[in-house]
Amino acid sequence: GRHRAAALVAGVAGALWIGVHYASGFGAIEASVVRAADVPREVVGRFVDWNTPIHFFHAATLTVALGALLTVPLAALRRRG
């Protein structure tokens, strides 16, 4: 039960950052800024404005996913000991 819940949290958190990255439109903006030499000023401005918050969100969701995954082996080790 607990292991399944932890796996579900990890799976949802792992997929959530990808969904937010692309559903928000940030992925398209990021791609255009990285690929193009001549990017409109408003696109660059949007990229700069969203870059830090979106990457903090990514880090937070991946940290939650890692924490959930780490509870599984630690719980199993405690049972054996």
PDB file of N, CA and C in Angstrom:
ATOM      1  N   GLY A   1       0.798  -1.198   0.000  1.00  0.00           N
ATOM      2  CA  GLY A   1       0.000   0.000   0.000  1.00  0.00           C
ATOM      3  C   GLY A   1       0.843   1.266   0.000  1.00  0.00           C
ATOM      4  N   ARG A   2       1.754   1.364   0.983  1.00  0.00           N
ATOM      5  CA  ARG A   2       2.586   2.564   1.069  1.00  0.00           C
ATOM      6  C   ARG A   2       3.537   2.683  -0.107  1.00  0.00           C
ATOM      7  N   HIS A   3       4.062   1.545  -0.540  1.00  0.00           N
ATOM      8  CA  HIS A   3       4.994   1.572  -1.673  1.00  0.00           C
ATOM      9  C   HIS A   3       4.283   2.024  -2.947  1.00  0.00           C
ATOM     10  N   ARG A   4       3.060   1.587  -3.106  1.00  0.00           N
ATOM     11  CA  ARG A   4       2.289   2.003  -4.287  1.00  0.00           C
ATOM     12  C   ARG A   4       1.980   3.491  -4.237  1.00  0.00           C
ATOM     13  N   ALA A   5       1.647   3.988  -3.048  1.00  0.00           N
ATOM     14  CA  ALA A   5       1.363   5.417  -2.901  1.00  0.00           C
ATOM     15  C   ALA A   5       2.613   6.238  -3.210  1.00  0.00           C
ATOM     16  N   ALA A   6       3.775   5.780  -2.712  1.00  0.00           N
ATOM     17  CA  ALA A   6       5.027   6.486  -2.987  1.00  0.00           C
ATOM     18  C   ALA A   6       5.341   6.467  -4.477  1.00  0.00           C
ATOM     19  N   ALA A   7       5.117   5.330  -5.117  1.00  0.00           N
ATOM     20  CA  ALA A   7       5.361   5.225  -6.559  1.00  0.00           C
ATOM     21  C   ALA A   7       4.399   6.135  -7.332  1.00  0.00           C
ATOM     22  N   LEU A   8       3.161   6.219  -6.879  1.00  0.00           N
ATOM     23  CA  LEU A   8       2.190   7.101  -7.525  1.00  0.00           C
ATOM     24  C   LEU A   8       2.601   8.563  -7.388  1.00  0.00           C
ATOM     25  N   VAL A   9       3.019   8.963  -6.184  1.00  0.00           N
ATOM     26  CA  VAL A   9       3.482  10.342  -5.971  1.00  0.00           C
ATOM     27  C   VAL A   9       4.677  10.634  -6.871  1.00  0.00           C
ATOM     28  N   ALA A  10       5.631   9.714  -6.925  1.00  0.00           N
ATOM     29  CA  ALA A  10       6.824   9.905  -7.767  1.00  0.00           C
ATOM     30  C   ALA A  10       6.440  10.010  -9.236  1.00  0.00           C
ATOM     31  N   GLY A  11       5.551   9.151  -9.679  1.00  0.00           N
ATOM     32  CA  GLY A  11       5.130   9.177 -11.080  1.00  0.00           C
ATOM     33  C   GLY A  11       4.391  10.451 -11.446  1.00  0.00           C
ATOM     34  N   VAL A  12       3.486  10.876 -10.586  1.00  0.00           N
ATOM     35  CA  VAL A  12       2.727  12.102 -10.850  1.00  0.00           C
ATOM     36  C   VAL A  12       3.652  13.309 -10.828  1.00  0.00           C
ATOM     37  N   ALA A  13       4.529  13.387  -9.835  1.00  0.00           N
ATOM     38  CA  ALA A  13       5.452  14.532  -9.743  1.00  0.00           C
ATOM     39  C   ALA A  13       6.398  14.563 -10.936  1.00  0.00           C
ATOM     40  N   GLY A  14       6.885  13.401 -11.335  1.00  0.00           N
ATOM     41  CA  GLY A  14       7.781  13.332 -12.484  1.00  0.00           C
ATOM     42  C   GLY A  14       7.106  13.764 -13.778  1.00  0.00           C
ATOM     43  N   ALA A  15       5.856  13.381 -13.942  1.00  0.00           N
ATOM     44  CA  ALA A  15       5.121  13.767 -15.148  1.00  0.00           C
ATOM     45  C   ALA A  15       4.623  15.212 -15.076  1.00  0.00           C
ATOM     46  N   LEU A  16       4.361  15.689 -13.866  1.00  0.00           N
ATOM     47  CA  LEU A  16       3.821  17.033 -13.699  1.00  0.00           C
ATOM     48  C   LEU A  16       4.757  18.107 -14.225  1.00  0.00           C
ATOM     49  N   TRP A  17       6.054  17.980 -13.940  1.00  0.00           N
ATOM     50  CA  TRP A  17       6.960  19.034 -14.401  1.00  0.00           C
ATOM     51  C   TRP A  17       7.041  19.055 -15.919  1.00  0.00           C
ATOM     52  N   ILE A  18       6.963  17.905 -16.550  1.00  0.00           N
ATOM     53  CA  ILE A  18       6.980  17.868 -18.019  1.00  0.00           C
ATOM     54  C   ILE A  18       5.709  18.505 -18.567  1.00  0.00           C
ATOM     55  N   GLY A  19       4.573  18.165 -17.967  1.00  0.00           N
ATOM     56  CA  GLY A  19       3.309  18.748 -18.405  1.00  0.00           C
ATOM     57  C   GLY A  19       3.291  20.258 -18.262  1.00  0.00           C
ATOM     58  N   VAL A  20       3.742  20.756 -17.129  1.00  0.00           N
ATOM     59  CA  VAL A  20       3.764  22.200 -16.896  1.00  0.00           C
ATOM     60  C   VAL A  20       4.733  22.879 -17.862  1.00  0.00           C
ATOM     61  N   HIS A  21       5.873  22.248 -18.104  1.00  0.00           N
ATOM     62  CA  HIS A  21       6.884  22.821 -18.991  1.00  0.00           C
ATOM     63  C   HIS A  21       6.308  23.095 -20.380  1.00  0.00           C
ATOM     64  N   TYR A  22       5.576  22.117 -20.901  1.00  0.00           N
ATOM     65  CA  TYR A  22       5.053  22.261 -22.260  1.00  0.00           C
ATOM     66  C   TYR A  22       3.662  22.887 -22.309  1.00  0.00           C
ATOM     67  N   ALA A  23       2.793  22.564 -21.361  1.00  0.00           N
ATOM     68  CA  ALA A  23       1.439  23.128 -21.371  1.00  0.00           C
ATOM     69  C   ALA A  23       1.450  24.634 -21.121  1.00  0.00           C
ATOM     70  N   SER A  24       2.427  25.106 -20.374  1.00  0.00           N
ATOM     71  CA  SER A  24       2.521  26.543 -20.104  1.00  0.00           C
ATOM     72  C   SER A  24       3.030  27.322 -21.310  1.00  0.00           C
ATOM     73  N   GLY A  25       3.598  26.611 -22.271  1.00  0.00           N
ATOM     74  CA  GLY A  25       4.176  27.271 -23.432  1.00  0.00           C
ATOM     75  C   GLY A  25       5.654  27.595 -23.258  1.00  0.00           C
ATOM     76  N   PHE A  26       6.174  27.335 -22.064  1.00  0.00           N
ATOM     77  CA  PHE A  26       7.574  27.656 -21.806  1.00  0.00           C
ATOM     78  C   PHE A  26       8.510  26.816 -22.678  1.00  0.00           C
ATOM     79  N   GLY A  27       8.165  25.569 -22.911  1.00  0.00           N
ATOM     80  CA  GLY A  27       9.005  24.708 -23.744  1.00  0.00           C
ATOM     81  C   GLY A  27       9.202  25.271 -25.140  1.00  0.00           C
ATOM     82  N   ALA A  28       8.124  25.792 -25.726  1.00  0.00           N
ATOM     83  CA  ALA A  28       8.213  26.386 -27.069  1.00  0.00           C
ATOM     84  C   ALA A  28       9.047  27.660 -27.052  1.00  0.00           C
ATOM     85  N   ILE A  29       8.856  28.480 -26.022  1.00  0.00           N
ATOM     86  CA  ILE A  29       9.642  29.710 -25.901  1.00  0.00           C
ATOM     87  C   ILE A  29      11.117  29.373 -25.727  1.00  0.00           C
ATOM     88  N   GLU A  30      11.388  28.409 -24.858  1.00  0.00           N
ATOM     89  CA  GLU A  30      12.766  27.992 -24.605  1.00  0.00           C
ATOM     90  C   GLU A  30      13.424  27.496 -25.895  1.00  0.00           C
ATOM     91  N   ALA A  31      12.701  26.676 -26.641  1.00  0.00           N
ATOM     92  CA  ALA A  31      13.240  26.147 -27.898  1.00  0.00           C
ATOM     93  C   ALA A  31      13.528  27.261 -28.895  1.00  0.00           C
ATOM     94  N   SER A  32      12.634  28.228 -28.997  1.00  0.00           N
ATOM     95  CA  SER A  32      12.860  29.308 -29.959  1.00  0.00           C
ATOM     96  C   SER A  32      14.043  30.182 -29.547  1.00  0.00           C
ATOM     97  N   VAL A  33      14.223  30.402 -28.257  1.00  0.00           N
ATOM     98  CA  VAL A  33      15.346  31.213 -27.783  1.00  0.00           C
ATOM     99  C   VAL A  33      16.666  30.472 -27.996  1.00  0.00           C
ATOM    100  N   VAL A  34      16.669  29.183 -27.739  1.00  0.00           N
ATOM    101  CA  VAL A  34      17.907  28.395 -27.862  1.00  0.00           C
ATOM    102  C   VAL A  34      18.306  28.211 -29.329  1.00  0.00           C
ATOM    103  N   ARG A  35      17.325  28.005 -30.218  1.00  0.00           N
ATOM    104  CA  ARG A  35      17.621  27.716 -31.622  1.00  0.00           C
ATOM    105  C   ARG A  35      17.877  28.933 -32.486  1.00  0.00           C
ATOM    106  N   ALA A  36      17.212  30.026 -32.207  1.00  0.00           N
ATOM    107  CA  ALA A  36      17.241  31.164 -33.123  1.00  0.00           C
ATOM    108  C   ALA A  36      18.299  32.186 -32.732  1.00  0.00           C
ATOM    109  N   ALA A  37      18.879  32.787 -33.734  1.00  0.00           N
ATOM    110  CA  ALA A  37      19.851  33.861 -33.501  1.00  0.00           C
ATOM    111  C   ALA A  37      19.134  35.191 -33.338  1.00  0.00           C
ATOM    112  N   ASP A  38      18.035  35.359 -34.063  1.00  0.00           N
ATOM    113  CA  ASP A  38      17.290  36.618 -34.022  1.00  0.00           C
ATOM    114  C   ASP A  38      15.906  36.345 -33.423  1.00  0.00           C
ATOM    115  N   VAL A  39      15.777  36.563 -32.115  1.00  0.00           N
ATOM    116  CA  VAL A  39      14.532  36.288 -31.401  1.00  0.00           C
ATOM    117  C   VAL A  39      13.883  37.619 -31.024  1.00  0.00           C
ATOM    118  N   PRO A  40      12.583  37.746 -31.262  1.00  0.00           N
ATOM    119  CA  PRO A  40      11.919  39.001 -30.882  1.00  0.00           C
ATOM    120  C   PRO A  40      12.096  39.321 -29.393  1.00  0.00           C
ATOM    121  N   ARG A  41      12.217  40.581 -29.107  1.00  0.00           N
ATOM    122  CA  ARG A  41      12.474  41.057 -27.742  1.00  0.00           C
ATOM    123  C   ARG A  41      11.421  40.567 -26.741  1.00  0.00           C
ATOM    124  N   GLU A  42      10.147  40.544 -27.161  1.00  0.00           N
ATOM    125  CA  GLU A  42       9.091  40.101 -26.235  1.00  0.00           C
ATOM    126  C   GLU A  42       9.197  38.618 -25.896  1.00  0.00           C
ATOM    127  N   VAL A  43       9.682  37.808 -26.846  1.00  0.00           N
ATOM    128  CA  VAL A  43       9.883  36.379 -26.585  1.00  0.00           C
ATOM    129  C   VAL A  43      11.026  36.193 -25.594  1.00  0.00           C
ATOM    130  N   VAL A  44      12.106  36.934 -25.801  1.00  0.00           N
ATOM    131  CA  VAL A  44      13.237  36.862 -24.870  1.00  0.00           C
ATOM    132  C   VAL A  44      12.796  37.327 -23.480  1.00  0.00           C
ATOM    133  N   GLY A  45      12.005  38.384 -23.429  1.00  0.00           N
ATOM    134  CA  GLY A  45      11.511  38.884 -22.151  1.00  0.00           C
ATOM    135  C   GLY A  45      10.664  37.859 -21.422  1.00  0.00           C
ATOM    136  N   ARG A  46       9.768  37.190 -22.163  1.00  0.00           N
ATOM    137  CA  ARG A  46       8.948  36.134 -21.558  1.00  0.00           C
ATOM    138  C   ARG A  46       9.806  34.991 -21.065  1.00  0.00           C
ATOM    139  N   PHE A  47      10.817  34.611 -21.852  1.00  0.00           N
ATOM    140  CA  PHE A  47      11.722  33.535 -21.453  1.00  0.00           C
ATOM    141  C   PHE A  47      12.443  33.896 -20.155  1.00  0.00           C
ATOM    142  N   VAL A  48      12.964  35.091 -20.084  1.00  0.00           N
ATOM    143  CA  VAL A  48      13.691  35.530 -18.889  1.00  0.00           C
ATOM    144  C   VAL A  48      12.754  35.580 -17.682  1.00  0.00           C
ATOM    145  N   ASP A  49      11.540  36.074 -17.882  1.00  0.00           N
ATOM    146  CA  ASP A  49      10.580  36.167 -16.776  1.00  0.00           C
ATOM    147  C   ASP A  49      10.171  34.797 -16.231  1.00  0.00           C
ATOM    148  N   TRP A  50      10.004  33.832 -17.115  1.00  0.00           N
ATOM    149  CA  TRP A  50       9.529  32.506 -16.705  1.00  0.00           C
ATOM    150  C   TRP A  50      10.650  31.556 -16.319  1.00  0.00           C
ATOM    151  N   ASN A  51      11.857  31.816 -16.746  1.00  0.00           N
ATOM    152  CA  ASN A  51      12.942  30.850 -16.588  1.00  0.00           C
ATOM    153  C   ASN A  51      13.154  30.427 -15.134  1.00  0.00           C
ATOM    154  N   THR A  52      13.352  31.363 -14.241  1.00  0.00           N
ATOM    155  CA  THR A  52      13.623  31.006 -12.844  1.00  0.00           C
ATOM    156  C   THR A  52      12.421  30.337 -12.176  1.00  0.00           C
ATOM    157  N   PRO A  53      11.209  30.903 -12.255  1.00  0.00           N
ATOM    158  CA  PRO A  53      10.089  30.228 -11.584  1.00  0.00           C
ATOM    159  C   PRO A  53       9.814  28.817 -12.116  1.00  0.00           C
ATOM    160  N   ILE A  54       9.908  28.645 -13.421  1.00  0.00           N
ATOM    161  CA  ILE A  54       9.595  27.327 -13.978  1.00  0.00           C
ATOM    162  C   ILE A  54      10.656  26.305 -13.565  1.00  0.00           C
ATOM    163  N   HIS A  55      11.909  26.732 -13.477  1.00  0.00           N
ATOM    164  CA  HIS A  55      12.951  25.788 -13.073  1.00  0.00           C
ATOM    165  C   HIS A  55      12.935  25.511 -11.576  1.00  0.00           C
ATOM    166  N   PHE A  56      12.506  26.470 -10.777  1.00  0.00           N
ATOM    167  CA  PHE A  56      12.289  26.185  -9.349  1.00  0.00           C
ATOM    168  C   PHE A  56      11.151  25.179  -9.196  1.00  0.00           C
ATOM    169  N   PHE A  57      10.092  25.336  -9.994  1.00  0.00           N
ATOM    170  CA  PHE A  57       8.993  24.371  -9.967  1.00  0.00           C
ATOM    171  C   PHE A  57       9.479  22.989 -10.376  1.00  0.00           C
ATOM    172  N   HIS A  58      10.295  22.915 -11.426  1.00  0.00           N
ATOM    173  CA  HIS A  58      10.863  21.631 -11.850  1.00  0.00           C
ATOM    174  C   HIS A  58      11.646  20.996 -10.713  1.00  0.00           C
ATOM    175  N   ALA A  59      12.514  21.789 -10.088  1.00  0.00           N
ATOM    176  CA  ALA A  59      13.345  21.267  -8.995  1.00  0.00           C
ATOM    177  C   ALA A  59      12.481  20.771  -7.838  1.00  0.00           C
ATOM    178  N   ALA A  60      11.437  21.507  -7.507  1.00  0.00           N
ATOM    179  CA  ALA A  60      10.565  21.101  -6.398  1.00  0.00           C
ATOM    180  C   ALA A  60       9.833  19.797  -6.711  1.00  0.00           C
ATOM    181  N   THR A  61       9.270  19.680  -7.908  1.00  0.00           N
ATOM    182  CA  THR A  61       8.536  18.461  -8.242  1.00  0.00           C
ATOM    183  C   THR A  61       9.465  17.259  -8.341  1.00  0.00           C
ATOM    184  N   LEU A  62      10.660  17.451  -8.873  1.00  0.00           N
ATOM    185  CA  LEU A  62      11.603  16.334  -8.948  1.00  0.00           C
ATOM    186  C   LEU A  62      12.128  15.954  -7.564  1.00  0.00           C
ATOM    187  N   THR A  63      12.240  16.916  -6.663  1.00  0.00           N
ATOM    188  CA  THR A  63      12.646  16.616  -5.290  1.00  0.00           C
ATOM    189  C   THR A  63      11.562  15.807  -4.590  1.00  0.00           C
ATOM    190  N   VAL A  64      10.306  16.164  -4.805  1.00  0.00           N
ATOM    191  CA  VAL A  64       9.196  15.388  -4.243  1.00  0.00           C
ATOM    192  C   VAL A  64       9.226  13.964  -4.800  1.00  0.00           C
ATOM    193  N   ALA A  65       9.442  13.836  -6.106  1.00  0.00           N
ATOM    194  CA  ALA A  65       9.504  12.505  -6.724  1.00  0.00           C
ATOM    195  C   ALA A  65      10.646  11.685  -6.138  1.00  0.00           C
ATOM    196  N   LEU A  66      11.814  12.285  -6.000  1.00  0.00           N
ATOM    197  CA  LEU A  66      12.952  11.577  -5.425  1.00  0.00           C
ATOM    198  C   LEU A  66      12.673  11.182  -3.983  1.00  0.00           C
ATOM    199  N   GLY A  67      12.122  12.103  -3.205  1.00  0.00           N
ATOM    200  CA  GLY A  67      11.786  11.788  -1.818  1.00  0.00           C
ATOM    201  C   GLY A  67      10.823  10.623  -1.715  1.00  0.00           C
ATOM    202  N   ALA A  68       9.814  10.604  -2.588  1.00  0.00           N
ATOM    203  CA  ALA A  68       8.856   9.502  -2.584  1.00  0.00           C
ATOM    204  C   ALA A  68       9.534   8.188  -2.943  1.00  0.00           C
ATOM    205  N   LEU A  69      10.399   8.205  -3.926  1.00  0.00           N
ATOM    206  CA  LEU A  69      11.103   6.983  -4.313  1.00  0.00           C
ATOM    207  C   LEU A  69      12.053   6.498  -3.230  1.00  0.00           C
ATOM    208  N   LEU A  70      12.677   7.431  -2.538  1.00  0.00           N
ATOM    209  CA  LEU A  70      13.604   7.039  -1.479  1.00  0.00           C
ATOM    210  C   LEU A  70      12.903   6.424  -0.272  1.00  0.00           C
ATOM    211  N   THR A  71      11.625   6.717  -0.078  1.00  0.00           N
ATOM    212  CA  THR A  71      10.903   6.112   1.044  1.00  0.00           C
ATOM    213  C   THR A  71      10.699   4.621   0.843  1.00  0.00           C
ATOM    214  N   VAL A  72      10.668   4.172  -0.370  1.00  0.00           N
ATOM    215  CA  VAL A  72      10.421   2.749  -0.631  1.00  0.00           C
ATOM    216  C   VAL A  72      11.584   1.889  -0.165  1.00  0.00           C
ATOM    217  N   PRO A  73      12.819   2.106  -0.628  1.00  0.00           N
ATOM    218  CA  PRO A  73      13.896   1.237  -0.150  1.00  0.00           C
ATOM    219  C   PRO A  73      14.183   1.419   1.340  1.00  0.00           C
ATOM    220  N   LEU A  74      14.027   2.621   1.868  1.00  0.00           N
ATOM    221  CA  LEU A  74      14.281   2.836   3.286  1.00  0.00           C
ATOM    222  C   LEU A  74      13.269   2.082   4.133  1.00  0.00           C
ATOM    223  N   ALA A  75      12.033   2.062   3.728  1.00  0.00           N
ATOM    224  CA  ALA A  75      10.997   1.313   4.455  1.00  0.00           C
ATOM    225  C   ALA A  75      11.291  -0.183   4.400  1.00  0.00           C
ATOM    226  N   ALA A  76      11.743  -0.648   3.244  1.00  0.00           N
ATOM    227  CA  ALA A  76      12.058  -2.080   3.106  1.00  0.00           C
ATOM    228  C   ALA A  76      13.259  -2.446   3.967  1.00  0.00           C
ATOM    229  N   LEU A  77      14.261  -1.600   4.053  1.00  0.00           N
ATOM    230  CA  LEU A  77      15.425  -1.863   4.896  1.00  0.00           C
ATOM    231  C   LEU A  77      15.057  -1.894   6.370  1.00  0.00           C
ATOM    232  N   ARG A  78      14.163  -1.013   6.793  1.00  0.00           N
ATOM    233  CA  ARG A  78      13.736  -0.988   8.198  1.00  0.00           C
ATOM    234  C   ARG A  78      13.007  -2.271   8.568  1.00  0.00           C
ATOM    235  N   ARG A  79      12.237  -2.821   7.676  1.00  0.00           N
ATOM    236  CA  ARG A  79      11.509  -4.064   7.952  1.00  0.00           C
ATOM    237  C   ARG A  79      12.470  -5.230   8.123  1.00  0.00           C
ATOM    238  N   ARG A  80      13.537  -5.250   7.337  1.00  0.00           N
ATOM    239  CA  ARG A  80      14.499  -6.362   7.404  1.00  0.00           C
ATOM    240  C   ARG A  80      15.336  -6.314   8.675  1.00  0.00           C
ATOM    241  N   GLY A  81      15.601  -5.071   9.152  1.00  0.00           N
ATOM    242  CA  GLY A  81      16.512  -4.891  10.282  1.00  0.00           C
ATOM    243  C   GLY A  81      15.932  -5.196  11.592  1.00  0.00           C
TER     244      GLY A  81
END
